[in-house]
Structures are given as structure tokens and as C-alpha cells.
PDB file of all heavy atoms in Angstrom:
ATOM      1  N   PRO A   1       2.864  -3.522   2.053  1.00  0.00           N
ATOM      2  CA  PRO A   1       3.203  -5.019   2.104  1.00  0.00           C
ATOM      3  C   PRO A   1       2.125  -5.839   2.649  1.00  0.00           C
ATOM      4  O   PRO A   1       1.369  -5.471   3.476  1.00  0.00           O
ATOM      5  CB  PRO A   1       4.431  -5.038   2.996  1.00  0.00           C
ATOM      6  CG  PRO A   1       4.349  -3.813   3.912  1.00  0.00           C
ATOM      7  CD  PRO A   1       3.663  -2.805   3.162  1.00  0.00           C
ATOM      8  N   LEU A   2       2.021  -6.937   2.056  1.00  0.00           N
ATOM      9  CA  LEU A   2       1.065  -7.961   2.476  1.00  0.00           C
ATOM     10  C   LEU A   2       1.478  -8.580   3.790  1.00  0.00           C
ATOM     11  O   LEU A   2       2.616  -9.007   3.871  1.00  0.00           O
ATOM     12  CB  LEU A   2       0.829  -9.061   1.498  1.00  0.00           C
ATOM     13  CG  LEU A   2      -0.178 -10.153   1.730  1.00  0.00           C
ATOM     14  CD1 LEU A   2      -1.652  -9.552   1.670  1.00  0.00           C
ATOM     15  CD2 LEU A   2      -0.060 -11.194   0.532  1.00  0.00           C
ATOM     16  N   SER A   3       0.702  -8.602   4.893  1.00  0.00           N
ATOM     17  CA  SER A   3       1.132  -9.071   6.153  1.00  0.00           C
ATOM     18  C   SER A   3       1.739 -10.548   6.102  1.00  0.00           C
ATOM     19  O   SER A   3       2.774 -10.745   6.459  1.00  0.00           O
ATOM     20  CB  SER A   3      -0.124  -9.048   7.079  1.00  0.00           C
ATOM     21  OG  SER A   3      -0.576  -7.847   7.286  1.00  0.00           O
ATOM     22  N   ILE A   4       0.981 -11.493   5.383  1.00  0.00           N
ATOM     23  CA  ILE A   4       1.541 -12.785   5.278  1.00  0.00           C
ATOM     24  C   ILE A   4       2.735 -12.843   4.389  1.00  0.00           C
ATOM     25  O   ILE A   4       3.540 -13.694   4.559  1.00  0.00           O
ATOM     26  CB  ILE A   4       0.357 -13.751   4.738  1.00  0.00           C
ATOM     27  CG1 ILE A   4      -0.801 -13.758   5.641  1.00  0.00           C
ATOM     28  CG2 ILE A   4       0.932 -15.178   4.379  1.00  0.00           C
ATOM     29  CD1 ILE A   4      -1.984 -14.596   5.192  1.00  0.00           C
ATOM     30  N   GLY A   5       2.728 -11.955   3.314  1.00  0.00           N
ATOM     31  CA  GLY A   5       3.769 -11.813   2.503  1.00  0.00           C
ATOM     32  C   GLY A   5       5.200 -11.534   3.069  1.00  0.00           C
ATOM     33  O   GLY A   5       6.211 -11.564   2.502  1.00  0.00           O
ATOM     34  N   GLN A   6       5.114 -10.933   4.239  1.00  0.00           N
ATOM     35  CA  GLN A   6       6.294 -10.609   4.952  1.00  0.00           C
ATOM     36  C   GLN A   6       6.977 -11.714   5.753  1.00  0.00           C
ATOM     37  O   GLN A   6       8.061 -11.589   6.338  1.00  0.00           O
ATOM     38  CB  GLN A   6       6.048  -9.469   5.944  1.00  0.00           C
ATOM     39  CG  GLN A   6       5.577  -8.187   5.247  1.00  0.00           C
ATOM     40  CD  GLN A   6       5.444  -7.081   6.224  1.00  0.00           C
ATOM     41  OE1 GLN A   6       6.252  -6.473   6.768  1.00  0.00           O
ATOM     42  NE2 GLN A   6       4.081  -6.724   6.419  1.00  0.00           N
ATOM     43  N   LEU A   7       6.320 -12.891   5.765  1.00  0.00           N
ATOM     44  CA  LEU A   7       6.877 -14.157   6.618  1.00  0.00           C
ATOM     45  C   LEU A   7       7.888 -14.791   5.846  1.00  0.00           C
ATOM     46  O   LEU A   7       8.687 -15.559   6.494  1.00  0.00           O
ATOM     47  CB  LEU A   7       5.573 -14.872   6.974  1.00  0.00           C
ATOM     48  CG  LEU A   7       4.561 -14.246   7.762  1.00  0.00           C
ATOM     49  CD1 LEU A   7       3.375 -15.211   8.141  1.00  0.00           C
ATOM     50  CD2 LEU A   7       5.087 -13.683   9.147  1.00  0.00           C
ATOM     51  N   GLY A   8       7.840 -14.815   4.599  1.00  0.00           N
ATOM     52  CA  GLY A   8       8.792 -15.499   3.744  1.00  0.00           C
ATOM     53  C   GLY A   8      10.093 -14.771   3.492  1.00  0.00           C
ATOM     54  O   GLY A   8      10.328 -13.774   4.024  1.00  0.00           O
ATOM     55  N   THR A   9      10.865 -15.353   2.568  1.00  0.00           N
ATOM     56  CA  THR A   9      12.154 -14.660   2.117  1.00  0.00           C
ATOM     57  C   THR A   9      11.890 -13.438   1.252  1.00  0.00           C
ATOM     58  O   THR A   9      12.680 -12.600   1.142  1.00  0.00           O
ATOM     59  CB  THR A   9      13.108 -15.636   1.484  1.00  0.00           C
ATOM     60  OG1 THR A   9      12.411 -16.197   0.302  1.00  0.00           O
ATOM     61  CG2 THR A   9      13.516 -16.783   2.399  1.00  0.00           C
ATOM     62  N   ARG A  10      10.879 -13.479   0.475  1.00  0.00           N
ATOM     63  CA  ARG A  10      10.349 -12.308  -0.378  1.00  0.00           C
ATOM     64  C   ARG A  10       9.227 -11.646   0.076  1.00  0.00           C
ATOM     65  O   ARG A  10       8.227 -12.305   0.483  1.00  0.00           O
ATOM     66  CB  ARG A  10      10.138 -12.872  -1.708  1.00  0.00           C
ATOM     67  CG  ARG A  10      11.493 -13.460  -2.456  1.00  0.00           C
ATOM     68  CD  ARG A  10      11.128 -13.880  -3.868  1.00  0.00           C
ATOM     69  NE  ARG A  10      10.772 -12.766  -4.676  1.00  0.00           N
ATOM     70  CZ  ARG A  10      10.402 -12.785  -5.999  1.00  0.00           C
ATOM     71  NH1 ARG A  10      10.346 -13.979  -6.528  1.00  0.00           N
ATOM     72  NH2 ARG A  10      10.165 -11.785  -6.606  1.00  0.00           N
ATOM     73  N   VAL A  11       9.164 -10.306   0.082  1.00  0.00           N
ATOM     74  CA  VAL A  11       7.969  -9.528   0.490  1.00  0.00           C
ATOM     75  C   VAL A  11       7.059  -9.395  -0.566  1.00  0.00           C
ATOM     76  O   VAL A  11       7.478  -8.988  -1.755  1.00  0.00           O
ATOM     77  CB  VAL A  11       8.446  -8.236   1.072  1.00  0.00           C
ATOM     78  CG1 VAL A  11       7.249  -7.400   1.551  1.00  0.00           C
ATOM     79  CG2 VAL A  11       9.440  -8.359   2.210  1.00  0.00           C
ATOM     80  N   THR A  12       5.784  -9.521  -0.344  1.00  0.00           N
ATOM     81  CA  THR A  12       4.713  -9.577  -1.273  1.00  0.00           C
ATOM     82  C   THR A  12       3.993  -8.159  -1.060  1.00  0.00           C
ATOM     83  O   THR A  12       3.684  -7.817   0.140  1.00  0.00           O
ATOM     84  CB  THR A  12       3.698 -10.519  -1.313  1.00  0.00           C
ATOM     85  OG1 THR A  12       4.406 -11.772  -1.513  1.00  0.00           O
ATOM     86  CG2 THR A  12       2.750 -10.393  -2.433  1.00  0.00           C
ATOM     87  N   TYR A  13       3.656  -7.327  -2.169  1.00  0.00           N
ATOM     88  CA  TYR A  13       3.062  -5.995  -1.851  1.00  0.00           C
ATOM     89  C   TYR A  13       1.818  -5.904  -2.572  1.00  0.00           C
ATOM     90  O   TYR A  13       1.446  -6.662  -3.548  1.00  0.00           O
ATOM     91  CB  TYR A  13       4.024  -4.886  -2.499  1.00  0.00           C
ATOM     92  CG  TYR A  13       5.325  -4.841  -1.746  1.00  0.00           C
ATOM     93  CD1 TYR A  13       6.422  -5.511  -2.177  1.00  0.00           C
ATOM     94  CD2 TYR A  13       5.543  -3.848  -0.678  1.00  0.00           C
ATOM     95  CE1 TYR A  13       7.646  -5.380  -1.547  1.00  0.00           C
ATOM     96  CE2 TYR A  13       6.678  -3.752  -0.021  1.00  0.00           C
ATOM     97  CZ  TYR A  13       7.704  -4.507  -0.399  1.00  0.00           C
ATOM     98  OH  TYR A  13       8.861  -4.363   0.229  1.00  0.00           O
ATOM     99  N   PHE A  14       0.903  -5.090  -2.010  1.00  0.00           N
ATOM    100  CA  PHE A  14      -0.266  -4.641  -2.758  1.00  0.00           C
ATOM    101  C   PHE A  14       0.152  -3.518  -3.779  1.00  0.00           C
ATOM    102  O   PHE A  14       1.215  -3.037  -3.852  1.00  0.00           O
ATOM    103  CB  PHE A  14      -1.403  -4.052  -1.790  1.00  0.00           C
ATOM    104  CG  PHE A  14      -1.855  -5.006  -0.810  1.00  0.00           C
ATOM    105  CD1 PHE A  14      -1.518  -4.928   0.533  1.00  0.00           C
ATOM    106  CD2 PHE A  14      -2.746  -6.098  -1.176  1.00  0.00           C
ATOM    107  CE1 PHE A  14      -2.092  -5.827   1.522  1.00  0.00           C
ATOM    108  CE2 PHE A  14      -3.219  -6.964  -0.244  1.00  0.00           C
ATOM    109  CZ  PHE A  14      -2.879  -6.822   1.038  1.00  0.00           C
ATOM    110  N   SER A  15      -0.903  -3.132  -4.684  1.00  0.00           N
ATOM    111  CA  SER A  15      -0.623  -2.034  -5.467  1.00  0.00           C
ATOM    112  C   SER A  15      -0.664  -0.778  -4.727  1.00  0.00           C
ATOM    113  O   SER A  15      -1.127  -0.759  -3.468  1.00  0.00           O
ATOM    114  CB  SER A  15      -1.725  -1.926  -6.573  1.00  0.00           C
ATOM    115  OG  SER A  15      -2.858  -1.228  -6.158  1.00  0.00           O
ATOM    116  N   SER A  16      -0.311   0.385  -5.274  1.00  0.00           N
ATOM    117  CA  SER A  16      -0.133   1.618  -4.557  1.00  0.00           C
ATOM    118  C   SER A  16      -1.534   2.438  -4.776  1.00  0.00           C
ATOM    119  O   SER A  16      -1.483   3.651  -4.446  1.00  0.00           O
ATOM    120  CB  SER A  16       1.037   2.449  -5.202  1.00  0.00           C
ATOM    121  OG  SER A  16       0.798   2.663  -6.545  1.00  0.00           O
ATOM    122  N   ALA A  17      -2.593   1.832  -5.213  1.00  0.00           N
ATOM    123  CA  ALA A  17      -3.771   2.554  -5.417  1.00  0.00           C
ATOM    124  C   ALA A  17      -4.266   3.350  -4.210  1.00  0.00           C
ATOM    125  O   ALA A  17      -4.734   4.447  -4.254  1.00  0.00           O
ATOM    126  CB  ALA A  17      -4.894   1.615  -5.846  1.00  0.00           C
ATOM    127  N   ILE A  18      -4.168   2.691  -2.954  1.00  0.00           N
ATOM    128  CA  ILE A  18      -4.664   3.361  -1.756  1.00  0.00           C
ATOM    129  C   ILE A  18      -3.808   4.561  -1.461  1.00  0.00           C
ATOM    130  O   ILE A  18      -4.380   5.540  -0.832  1.00  0.00           O
ATOM    131  CB  ILE A  18      -4.460   2.415  -0.579  1.00  0.00           C
ATOM    132  CG1 ILE A  18      -5.321   2.982   0.663  1.00  0.00           C
ATOM    133  CG2 ILE A  18      -3.021   1.992  -0.167  1.00  0.00           C
ATOM    134  CD1 ILE A  18      -6.685   3.070   0.477  1.00  0.00           C
ATOM    135  N   TYR A  19      -2.582   4.643  -1.901  1.00  0.00           N
ATOM    136  CA  TYR A  19      -1.760   5.795  -1.636  1.00  0.00           C
ATOM    137  C   TYR A  19      -2.254   6.983  -2.450  1.00  0.00           C
ATOM    138  O   TYR A  19      -2.254   8.155  -1.932  1.00  0.00           O
ATOM    139  CB  TYR A  19      -0.294   5.522  -2.036  1.00  0.00           C
ATOM    140  CG  TYR A  19       0.483   4.535  -1.161  1.00  0.00           C
ATOM    141  CD1 TYR A  19       1.615   3.907  -1.756  1.00  0.00           C
ATOM    142  CD2 TYR A  19       0.042   4.267   0.130  1.00  0.00           C
ATOM    143  CE1 TYR A  19       2.288   3.043  -0.898  1.00  0.00           C
ATOM    144  CE2 TYR A  19       0.803   3.347   0.880  1.00  0.00           C
ATOM    145  CZ  TYR A  19       1.946   2.711   0.283  1.00  0.00           C
ATOM    146  OH  TYR A  19       2.538   1.757   1.124  1.00  0.00           O
ATOM    147  N   TYR A  20      -2.678   6.756  -3.627  1.00  0.00           N
ATOM    148  CA  TYR A  20      -3.150   7.847  -4.572  1.00  0.00           C
ATOM    149  C   TYR A  20      -4.649   8.356  -4.188  1.00  0.00           C
ATOM    150  O   TYR A  20      -4.850   9.580  -4.239  1.00  0.00           O
ATOM    151  CB  TYR A  20      -3.083   7.460  -5.975  1.00  0.00           C
ATOM    152  CG  TYR A  20      -1.750   7.223  -6.408  1.00  0.00           C
ATOM    153  CD1 TYR A  20      -1.126   5.911  -6.432  1.00  0.00           C
ATOM    154  CD2 TYR A  20      -0.832   8.286  -6.821  1.00  0.00           C
ATOM    155  CE1 TYR A  20       0.229   5.768  -6.797  1.00  0.00           C
ATOM    156  CE2 TYR A  20       0.404   8.110  -7.151  1.00  0.00           C
ATOM    157  CZ  TYR A  20       1.004   6.860  -7.203  1.00  0.00           C
ATOM    158  OH  TYR A  20       2.330   6.672  -7.507  1.00  0.00           O
ATOM    159  N   ILE A  21      -5.352   7.427  -3.534  1.00  0.00           N
ATOM    160  CA  ILE A  21      -6.655   7.817  -2.949  1.00  0.00           C
ATOM    161  C   ILE A  21      -6.296   8.799  -1.795  1.00  0.00           C
ATOM    162  O   ILE A  21      -6.919   9.773  -1.560  1.00  0.00           O
ATOM    163  CB  ILE A  21      -7.371   6.672  -2.520  1.00  0.00           C
ATOM    164  CG1 ILE A  21      -7.951   5.837  -3.750  1.00  0.00           C
ATOM    165  CG2 ILE A  21      -8.576   7.014  -1.520  1.00  0.00           C
ATOM    166  CD1 ILE A  21      -9.032   6.573  -4.450  1.00  0.00           C
ATOM    167  N   GLY A  22      -5.296   8.325  -0.975  1.00  0.00           N
ATOM    168  CA  GLY A  22      -4.906   9.229   0.123  1.00  0.00           C
ATOM    169  C   GLY A  22      -4.405  10.523  -0.315  1.00  0.00           C
ATOM    170  O   GLY A  22      -4.728  11.542   0.429  1.00  0.00           O
ATOM    171  N   ALA A  23      -3.533  10.517  -1.322  1.00  0.00           N
ATOM    172  CA  ALA A  23      -3.014  11.804  -1.763  1.00  0.00           C
ATOM    173  C   ALA A  23      -4.083  12.731  -2.271  1.00  0.00           C
ATOM    174  O   ALA A  23      -4.192  13.915  -1.922  1.00  0.00           O
ATOM    175  CB  ALA A  23      -1.984  11.512  -2.940  1.00  0.00           C
ATOM    176  N   LEU A  24      -5.065  12.238  -2.964  1.00  0.00           N
ATOM    177  CA  LEU A  24      -6.277  13.022  -3.445  1.00  0.00           C
ATOM    178  C   LEU A  24      -6.989  13.507  -2.227  1.00  0.00           C
ATOM    179  O   LEU A  24      -7.333  14.759  -2.101  1.00  0.00           O
ATOM    180  CB  LEU A  24      -7.217  12.159  -4.243  1.00  0.00           C
ATOM    181  CG  LEU A  24      -8.397  12.849  -4.815  1.00  0.00           C
ATOM    182  CD1 LEU A  24      -8.047  14.020  -5.648  1.00  0.00           C
ATOM    183  CD2 LEU A  24      -9.219  11.854  -5.580  1.00  0.00           C
ATOM    184  N   GLY A  25      -7.237  12.687  -1.147  1.00  0.00           N
ATOM    185  CA  GLY A  25      -7.937  13.161   0.001  1.00  0.00           C
ATOM    186  C   GLY A  25      -7.231  14.281   0.765  1.00  0.00           C
ATOM    187  O   GLY A  25      -7.849  15.215   1.222  1.00  0.00           O
ATOM    188  N   LEU A  26      -5.900  14.127   0.904  1.00  0.00           N
ATOM    189  CA  LEU A  26      -5.121  15.143   1.453  1.00  0.00           C
ATOM    190  C   LEU A  26      -5.151  16.475   0.778  1.00  0.00           C
ATOM    191  O   LEU A  26      -5.213  17.536   1.299  1.00  0.00           O
ATOM    192  CB  LEU A  26      -3.596  14.581   1.652  1.00  0.00           C
ATOM    193  CG  LEU A  26      -3.348  13.430   2.669  1.00  0.00           C
ATOM    194  CD1 LEU A  26      -1.961  12.966   2.424  1.00  0.00           C
ATOM    195  CD2 LEU A  26      -3.654  13.938   4.075  1.00  0.00           C
ATOM    196  N   ALA A  27      -5.037  16.292  -0.555  1.00  0.00           N
ATOM    197  CA  ALA A  27      -5.095  17.537  -1.399  1.00  0.00           C
ATOM    198  C   ALA A  27      -6.381  18.328  -1.365  1.00  0.00           C
ATOM    199  O   ALA A  27      -6.431  19.546  -1.209  1.00  0.00           O
ATOM    200  CB  ALA A  27      -4.761  17.138  -2.872  1.00  0.00           C
ATOM    201  N   LEU A  28      -7.421  17.612  -1.311  1.00  0.00           N
ATOM    202  CA  LEU A  28      -8.805  18.132  -1.324  1.00  0.00           C
ATOM    203  C   LEU A  28      -9.140  18.779   0.138  1.00  0.00           C
ATOM    204  O   LEU A  28     -10.047  19.691   0.230  1.00  0.00           O
ATOM    205  CB  LEU A  28      -9.898  17.167  -1.749  1.00  0.00           C
ATOM    206  CG  LEU A  28      -9.814  16.741  -3.174  1.00  0.00           C
ATOM    207  CD1 LEU A  28     -10.916  15.636  -3.362  1.00  0.00           C
ATOM    208  CD2 LEU A  28     -10.014  17.922  -4.097  1.00  0.00           C
ATOM    209  N   SER A  29      -8.425  18.217   1.194  1.00  0.00           N
ATOM    210  CA  SER A  29      -8.743  18.638   2.532  1.00  0.00           C
ATOM    211  C   SER A  29      -7.766  19.606   3.123  1.00  0.00           C
ATOM    212  O   SER A  29      -7.882  19.892   4.380  1.00  0.00           O
ATOM    213  CB  SER A  29      -8.961  17.378   3.398  1.00  0.00           C
ATOM    214  OG  SER A  29      -7.737  16.703   3.497  1.00  0.00           O
TER     215      SER A  29
END
């Protein structure tokens, strides 16, 4: 979630790209 995006009534999110980079790093290590 975007930090500023959590201040309103609707939450704004980033894409999940960082999660898949993390999953690849976890798998390789």
C-alpha cells in the first residue's frame, strides 16, 4: 500500500513487482 494512499477512504496500492523479485531472490538463495 502507498503510505499516503492509506490516509483517505480508499487505499492506493503499488504493483506487486517487488513481491516477485523477492520470491525469485528467496528461491535462488
